[in-house]
């Protein structure tokens, strides 16, 4: 069996999808009841993609592919959306019934297959029965609209949600848009297959699904876990202490005036540095001066630039957290972002510039001491 470039791309994506799903289920960093539904979604979708793409022409692979796993995919996704948002629907008595279409169709297929394929018994109708043929032809269309219905519903719930953190809501909205795109590609693949009977018409669907796996790997699973860790860090800081920079880390006041004193008080008491968008505009608003004058105040009063001044506080905050065992379970990126850094690279660069060590090396040295 020869493989084209698109075949390799799809196969590699399926392998990654399975790896991601298993990692979510098994790795402590990702493991949670909420993520179990995401893992179920990814593993089921990976299996469908592989079985739909595979060209081995084996009896069992083709038979497993014939079962309507499509009715299960969107249920996992819907449950995942509800759990991420902590939606009241989680307590609804009808929620488990979303699995009913899959199991109902599975039972019908097994009853029929045990007669037509495995010859365990004889049903009172033949395989060419008009009703059965119509039922068999309708399954793919029903699966398409079932998935479209649940995905649109999940998207609508995420779109209207106002209780969850904005970053979490944005991730779910983007995820919903991506899945709606998959449904559109699936619809046109179905349409082309209906008129041409060409099995290759589903190739765009498999490619679209494979791209989705690559996107979920970082944009979804990893970043959402970082958000969850940040929320836990915030709770920990609120319940224990607020990290304060030591005098040797925070820039000393070179030329004291009213504005430098006010700025230092704002940094120490309100921890403005934890805002990743902290800059001249925010300082100007708090101090009641122009943005242009902010630079002069900092340069003349503190003897350093704005970025170095703010990063001094952020580095001090991260050092306190990296030295505390209570923060040991959390990733370096979550700690850096919670201190106010916009990205992991910005955190690592500033930390090494100030301390001469990477955050990971600093954490290890603190554990050893």
Protein backbone atom coordinates (compact mmCIF):
# COMPACT_ATOMS: atom_id res chain seq x y z
CA UNK A 1 0.00 0.00 0.00
CA UNK A 2 1.53 3.30 -1.15
CA UNK A 3 0.98 6.43 0.91
CA UNK A 4 0.69 9.94 -0.50
CA UNK A 5 1.82 13.09 1.28
CA UNK A 6 -1.74 13.70 2.49
CA UNK A 7 -1.88 10.10 3.75
CA UNK A 8 1.28 10.65 5.82
CA UNK A 9 -0.11 13.94 7.11
CA UNK A 10 -3.39 12.33 8.18
CA UNK A 11 -1.67 9.30 9.72
CA UNK A 12 0.75 11.51 11.67
CA UNK A 13 -2.15 13.60 12.94
CA UNK A 14 -4.10 10.52 14.00
CA UNK A 15 -1.07 9.27 15.94
CA UNK A 16 -0.77 12.68 17.58
CA UNK A 17 -4.48 12.70 18.38
CA UNK A 18 -4.21 9.31 20.09
CA UNK A 19 -1.08 10.46 21.93
CA UNK A 20 -2.83 13.63 23.12
CA UNK A 21 -5.89 11.70 24.26
CA UNK A 22 -3.81 9.18 26.21
CA UNK A 23 -1.68 11.97 27.70
CA UNK A 24 -4.79 13.77 28.93
CA UNK A 25 -6.03 10.57 30.54
CA UNK A 26 -2.72 9.51 32.10
CA UNK A 27 -0.44 12.54 32.65
CA UNK A 28 -0.91 14.25 36.05
CA UNK A 29 -0.45 17.69 34.42
CA UNK A 30 -3.62 17.24 32.30
CA UNK A 31 -5.64 14.68 34.24
CA UNK A 32 -9.03 15.85 35.50
CA UNK A 33 -12.67 14.79 35.27
CA UNK A 34 -13.31 17.62 32.84
CA UNK A 35 -10.42 16.69 30.58
CA UNK A 36 -11.55 13.05 30.54
CA UNK A 37 -14.40 14.14 28.27
CA UNK A 38 -11.98 15.99 26.02
CA UNK A 39 -9.83 12.84 25.90
CA UNK A 40 -12.90 10.79 24.98
CA UNK A 41 -13.71 13.26 22.22
CA UNK A 42 -10.15 13.25 20.82
CA UNK A 43 -9.68 9.45 21.00
CA UNK A 44 -13.07 8.74 19.40
CA UNK A 45 -12.44 11.30 16.67
CA UNK A 46 -8.92 9.91 16.11
CA UNK A 47 -10.35 6.40 15.76
CA UNK A 48 -13.01 7.56 13.30
CA UNK A 49 -10.41 9.47 11.27
CA UNK A 50 -8.12 6.44 11.12
CA UNK A 51 -10.87 3.95 10.27
CA UNK A 52 -12.29 6.28 7.64
CA UNK A 53 -8.88 6.84 6.07
CA UNK A 54 -7.41 3.32 6.41
CA UNK A 55 -6.90 1.36 3.20
CA UNK A 56 -6.13 -2.08 4.61
CA UNK A 57 -9.42 -3.61 3.42
CA UNK A 58 -9.60 -5.86 6.48
CA UNK A 59 -12.92 -7.32 7.60
CA UNK A 60 -12.73 -6.21 11.24
CA UNK A 61 -11.39 -2.72 10.53
CA UNK A 62 -14.16 -2.15 7.99
CA UNK A 63 -16.78 -3.60 10.32
CA UNK A 64 -15.74 -1.44 13.30
CA UNK A 65 -15.75 1.55 10.95
CA UNK A 66 -19.35 0.73 9.94
CA UNK A 67 -20.59 1.26 13.51
CA UNK A 68 -21.91 4.77 14.04
CA UNK A 69 -19.30 6.20 16.42
CA UNK A 70 -20.16 9.63 15.03
CA UNK A 71 -23.17 9.77 17.38
CA UNK A 72 -20.79 9.64 20.35
CA UNK A 73 -18.26 12.34 19.41
CA UNK A 74 -20.35 15.46 19.92
CA UNK A 75 -21.78 14.14 23.20
CA UNK A 76 -18.26 14.03 24.69
CA UNK A 77 -17.64 17.53 23.34
CA UNK A 78 -20.91 18.88 24.74
CA UNK A 79 -20.15 17.43 28.17
CA UNK A 80 -16.66 18.94 28.03
CA UNK A 81 -18.05 22.42 27.31
CA UNK A 82 -20.50 22.16 30.22
CA UNK A 83 -17.81 21.05 32.66
CA UNK A 84 -15.32 23.74 31.64
CA UNK A 85 -18.03 26.37 32.17
CA UNK A 86 -19.44 24.63 35.30
CA UNK A 87 -22.84 25.05 33.66
CA UNK A 88 -26.10 24.28 35.54
CA UNK A 89 -27.00 21.74 32.82
CA UNK A 90 -24.54 19.36 34.51
CA UNK A 91 -27.28 18.67 37.07
CA UNK A 92 -29.99 18.12 34.43
CA UNK A 93 -31.67 14.70 34.51
CA UNK A 94 -31.81 14.59 30.69
CA UNK A 95 -28.03 14.93 30.22
CA UNK A 96 -27.23 11.15 30.22
CA UNK A 97 -29.92 10.66 27.55
CA UNK A 98 -27.62 12.36 25.03
CA UNK A 99 -25.86 8.98 24.77
CA UNK A 100 -29.16 7.26 23.85
CA UNK A 101 -28.94 7.73 20.04
CA UNK A 102 -25.52 6.04 19.91
CA UNK A 103 -26.54 3.04 22.02
CA UNK A 104 -29.94 2.72 20.31
CA UNK A 105 -28.35 2.61 16.85
CA UNK A 106 -25.57 0.34 18.10
CA UNK A 107 -28.10 -2.20 19.37
CA UNK A 108 -30.03 -2.12 16.08
CA UNK A 109 -26.82 -2.56 14.05
CA UNK A 110 -25.63 -5.47 16.18
CA UNK A 111 -29.00 -7.23 15.98
CA UNK A 112 -29.01 -6.85 12.20
CA UNK A 113 -25.32 -7.73 11.76
CA UNK A 114 -25.58 -10.90 13.83
CA UNK A 115 -28.09 -12.08 11.23
CA UNK A 116 -26.82 -10.65 7.92
CA UNK A 117 -23.06 -10.87 8.54
CA UNK A 118 -22.41 -13.48 11.27
CA UNK A 119 -25.43 -15.73 10.55
CA UNK A 120 -26.19 -16.39 14.22
CA UNK A 121 -29.91 -16.35 13.44
CA UNK A 122 -32.36 -15.36 10.73
CA UNK A 123 -34.34 -12.11 10.87
CA UNK A 124 -37.84 -12.01 9.33
CA UNK A 125 -36.68 -9.60 6.61
CA UNK A 126 -33.87 -9.49 4.03
CA UNK A 127 -31.01 -7.08 3.70
CA UNK A 128 -32.69 -5.46 0.68
CA UNK A 129 -35.80 -4.64 2.68
CA UNK A 130 -36.99 -1.14 1.69
CA UNK A 131 -37.30 0.11 5.28
CA UNK A 132 -33.89 -1.22 6.29
CA UNK A 133 -32.21 0.20 3.16
CA UNK A 134 -33.75 3.61 3.89
CA UNK A 135 -32.63 3.41 7.54
CA UNK A 136 -29.08 2.48 6.49
CA UNK A 137 -28.88 5.34 4.00
CA UNK A 138 -30.16 7.87 6.51
CA UNK A 139 -27.63 7.10 9.25
CA UNK A 140 -24.79 9.26 7.91
CA UNK A 141 -27.12 12.21 7.39
CA UNK A 142 -28.63 11.79 10.85
CA UNK A 143 -25.13 11.65 12.36
CA UNK A 144 -24.19 14.87 10.56
CA UNK A 145 -27.22 16.77 11.86
CA UNK A 146 -26.93 15.30 15.36
CA UNK A 147 -23.35 16.56 15.58
CA UNK A 148 -24.32 19.93 14.09
CA UNK A 149 -27.13 20.30 16.63
CA UNK A 150 -24.97 19.55 19.69
CA UNK A 151 -22.01 21.62 18.47
CA UNK A 152 -24.20 24.67 17.75
CA UNK A 153 -25.83 24.24 21.16
CA UNK A 154 -22.44 24.01 22.90
CA UNK A 155 -21.19 27.04 20.96
CA UNK A 156 -24.29 29.03 21.95
CA UNK A 157 -23.80 28.15 25.63
CA UNK A 158 -20.14 29.24 25.53
CA UNK A 159 -20.98 32.42 23.61
CA UNK A 160 -23.62 33.52 26.11
CA UNK A 161 -21.64 32.56 29.21
CA UNK A 162 -20.69 35.51 31.41
CA UNK A 163 -19.47 33.75 34.56
CA UNK A 164 -16.26 32.04 33.38
CA UNK A 165 -12.87 33.76 32.91
CA UNK A 166 -12.64 35.47 29.48
CA UNK A 167 -9.67 33.32 28.37
CA UNK A 168 -11.59 30.10 29.05
CA UNK A 169 -14.67 31.36 27.25
CA UNK A 170 -12.61 32.49 24.25
CA UNK A 171 -11.02 29.04 23.97
CA UNK A 172 -14.41 27.33 23.94
CA UNK A 173 -15.84 29.78 21.40
CA UNK A 174 -12.88 29.20 19.08
CA UNK A 175 -13.16 25.47 19.63
CA UNK A 176 -16.85 25.65 18.73
CA UNK A 177 -16.11 27.64 15.56
CA UNK A 178 -13.46 25.08 14.55
CA UNK A 179 -15.92 22.22 15.06
CA UNK A 180 -18.60 24.05 13.06
CA UNK A 181 -16.03 24.33 10.28
CA UNK A 182 -15.50 20.56 10.45
CA UNK A 183 -19.27 20.02 10.17
CA UNK A 184 -19.42 22.26 7.08
CA UNK A 185 -16.59 20.29 5.42
CA UNK A 186 -18.34 17.06 6.41
CA UNK A 187 -21.62 18.32 4.86
CA UNK A 188 -19.99 19.11 1.51
CA UNK A 189 -18.13 15.78 1.56
CA UNK A 190 -21.48 14.04 2.08
CA UNK A 191 -23.00 16.06 -0.75
CA UNK A 192 -20.19 15.23 -3.17
CA UNK A 193 -20.34 11.55 -2.20
CA UNK A 194 -24.11 11.49 -2.75
CA UNK A 195 -23.79 12.73 -6.33
CA UNK A 196 -20.48 11.06 -7.34
CA UNK A 197 -20.29 7.93 -5.12
CA UNK A 198 -16.57 8.70 -4.86
CA UNK A 199 -15.11 7.55 -1.51
CA UNK A 200 -12.26 10.05 -1.87
CA UNK A 201 -14.81 12.83 -1.39
CA UNK A 202 -14.29 12.45 2.37
CA UNK A 203 -10.54 13.20 2.13
CA UNK A 204 -11.07 16.93 2.97
CA UNK A 205 -12.92 15.87 6.14
CA UNK A 206 -10.00 13.69 7.28
CA UNK A 207 -7.52 16.49 6.51
CA UNK A 208 -9.67 19.02 8.42
CA UNK A 209 -9.84 16.67 11.42
CA UNK A 210 -6.09 16.14 11.35
CA UNK A 211 -5.51 19.92 11.43
CA UNK A 212 -7.90 20.10 14.40
CA UNK A 213 -5.73 17.62 16.34
CA UNK A 214 -2.62 19.74 15.82
CA UNK A 215 -4.48 22.85 16.98
CA UNK A 216 -6.00 21.20 20.06
CA UNK A 217 -2.55 19.99 21.14
CA UNK A 218 -1.32 23.45 22.11
CA UNK A 219 -4.05 26.06 21.70
CA UNK A 220 -6.50 24.06 23.73
CA UNK A 221 -5.27 21.43 26.14
CA UNK A 222 -1.99 23.01 27.22
CA UNK A 223 -3.15 26.60 27.41
CA UNK A 224 -6.37 25.70 29.22
CA UNK A 225 -4.37 23.77 31.80
CA UNK A 226 -2.18 26.85 32.28
CA UNK A 227 -5.35 28.87 32.95
CA UNK A 228 -6.51 26.30 35.51
CA UNK A 229 -3.12 26.40 37.24
CA UNK A 230 -3.19 30.19 37.33
CA UNK A 231 -6.61 30.11 38.99
CA UNK A 232 -5.26 27.70 41.62
CA UNK A 233 -2.20 29.92 42.17
CA UNK A 234 -4.47 32.95 42.64
CA UNK A 235 -6.47 31.08 45.28
CA UNK A 236 -3.25 30.01 46.99
CA UNK A 237 -1.88 33.55 47.04
CA UNK A 238 -5.14 34.97 48.33
CA UNK A 239 -5.30 32.40 51.11
CA UNK A 240 -1.68 32.55 52.23
CA UNK A 241 0.31 35.61 51.30
CA UNK A 242 0.96 38.12 48.55
CA UNK A 243 4.55 37.88 47.31
CA UNK A 244 6.42 41.11 47.92
CA UNK A 245 9.67 41.99 46.23
CA UNK A 246 12.72 42.26 48.42
CA UNK A 247 14.61 45.52 48.56
CA UNK A 248 17.55 44.07 46.67
CA UNK A 249 15.26 43.15 43.74
CA UNK A 250 12.92 46.14 43.60
CA UNK A 251 14.66 49.25 42.18
CA UNK A 252 15.56 51.72 44.90
CA UNK A 253 14.28 55.28 44.69
CA UNK A 254 17.13 57.46 43.42
CA UNK A 255 15.39 60.82 43.42
CA UNK A 256 12.34 60.70 45.67
CA UNK A 257 9.29 62.74 44.73
CA UNK A 258 5.54 62.47 45.23
CA UNK A 259 4.97 60.41 42.09
CA UNK A 260 7.73 57.85 42.71
CA UNK A 261 6.45 57.30 46.25
CA UNK A 262 2.89 56.86 44.96
CA UNK A 263 4.06 54.49 42.24
CA UNK A 264 6.02 52.35 44.69
CA UNK A 265 2.97 52.19 46.97
CA UNK A 266 0.81 51.08 44.03
CA UNK A 267 3.28 48.36 43.10
CA UNK A 268 3.67 47.06 46.65
CA UNK A 269 0.05 47.26 47.79
CA UNK A 270 -2.05 46.63 44.67
CA UNK A 271 0.49 44.51 42.74
CA UNK A 272 -0.21 46.24 39.43
CA UNK A 273 2.78 44.43 37.93
CA UNK A 274 0.67 41.23 37.79
CA UNK A 275 -1.35 42.83 34.99
CA UNK A 276 0.33 41.69 31.72
CA UNK A 277 -0.89 44.88 30.00
CA UNK A 278 0.65 47.09 32.67
CA UNK A 279 2.30 50.11 31.05
CA UNK A 280 2.54 53.87 30.89
CA UNK A 281 -1.17 54.36 30.25
CA UNK A 282 -2.22 52.51 33.40
CA UNK A 283 0.39 54.31 35.52
CA UNK A 284 -0.71 57.68 34.11
CA UNK A 285 -4.35 56.92 34.97
CA UNK A 286 -3.48 55.89 38.53
CA UNK A 287 -1.14 58.83 39.20
CA UNK A 288 -3.21 61.42 37.34
CA UNK A 289 -0.39 62.53 35.04
CA UNK A 290 0.29 62.34 31.31
CA UNK A 291 1.86 59.27 29.68
CA UNK A 292 4.80 61.31 28.52
CA UNK A 293 5.56 62.43 32.07
CA UNK A 294 5.47 58.82 33.35
CA UNK A 295 8.72 57.97 31.53
CA UNK A 296 10.43 61.00 33.03
CA UNK A 297 9.19 60.17 36.54
CA UNK A 298 10.52 56.63 36.37
CA UNK A 299 13.81 57.50 34.68
CA UNK A 300 14.61 60.45 36.96
CA UNK A 301 13.18 59.05 40.18
CA UNK A 302 14.22 55.39 39.86
CA UNK A 303 17.13 55.47 37.46
CA UNK A 304 15.82 52.58 35.32
CA UNK A 305 13.47 52.10 32.37
CA UNK A 306 9.81 51.18 32.80
CA UNK A 307 10.24 47.58 31.59
CA UNK A 308 13.17 46.88 33.92
CA UNK A 309 11.30 48.50 36.81
CA UNK A 310 8.16 46.40 36.36
CA UNK A 311 10.11 43.19 35.65
CA UNK A 312 12.00 43.70 38.91
CA UNK A 313 8.75 43.22 40.80
CA UNK A 314 7.68 40.32 38.60
CA UNK A 315 10.97 38.49 39.06
CA UNK A 316 10.76 39.00 42.81
CA UNK A 317 7.24 37.55 42.82
CA UNK A 318 8.29 34.49 40.80
CA UNK A 319 11.33 33.91 43.02
CA UNK A 320 9.10 33.86 46.09
CA UNK A 321 6.79 31.32 44.46
CA UNK A 322 9.60 29.16 43.09
CA UNK A 323 11.14 29.03 46.57
CA UNK A 324 7.90 27.92 48.22
CA UNK A 325 6.97 24.22 48.25
CA UNK A 326 3.30 25.12 48.08
CA UNK A 327 3.83 26.19 44.45
CA UNK A 328 5.90 23.13 43.48
CA UNK A 329 3.02 21.35 41.63
CA UNK A 330 2.59 24.25 39.23
CA UNK A 331 4.35 24.75 35.92
CA UNK A 332 6.94 27.47 35.40
CA UNK A 333 4.82 29.09 32.69
CA UNK A 334 1.77 29.36 34.97
CA UNK A 335 3.89 30.97 37.69
CA UNK A 336 5.48 33.40 35.24
CA UNK A 337 2.17 34.40 33.70
CA UNK A 338 0.57 34.87 37.11
CA UNK A 339 3.41 37.24 38.02
CA UNK A 340 2.52 39.37 34.99
CA UNK A 341 4.66 38.10 32.11
CA UNK A 342 2.79 37.84 28.80
CA UNK A 343 4.62 34.76 27.53
CA UNK A 344 6.94 32.00 28.62
CA UNK A 345 9.79 33.37 26.49
CA UNK A 346 9.48 36.84 28.05
CA UNK A 347 9.53 35.28 31.53
CA UNK A 348 12.57 33.11 30.85
CA UNK A 349 14.52 35.94 29.22
CA UNK A 350 13.86 38.45 32.02
CA UNK A 351 14.50 35.90 34.77
CA UNK A 352 17.84 34.80 33.36
CA UNK A 353 18.88 38.40 32.75
CA UNK A 354 18.21 39.25 36.41
CA UNK A 355 19.37 36.09 38.19
CA UNK A 356 21.76 34.45 35.73
CA UNK A 357 19.69 31.25 35.99
CA UNK A 358 16.70 29.83 34.18
CA UNK A 359 13.52 29.54 36.28
CA UNK A 360 13.89 25.75 36.29
CA UNK A 361 17.49 25.92 37.51
CA UNK A 362 16.52 28.42 40.20
CA UNK A 363 13.72 26.15 41.44
CA UNK A 364 16.12 23.18 41.61
CA UNK A 365 18.75 25.22 43.48
CA UNK A 366 16.14 26.32 46.02
CA UNK A 367 15.07 22.73 46.58
CA UNK A 368 18.66 21.65 47.12
CA UNK A 369 19.40 24.42 49.64
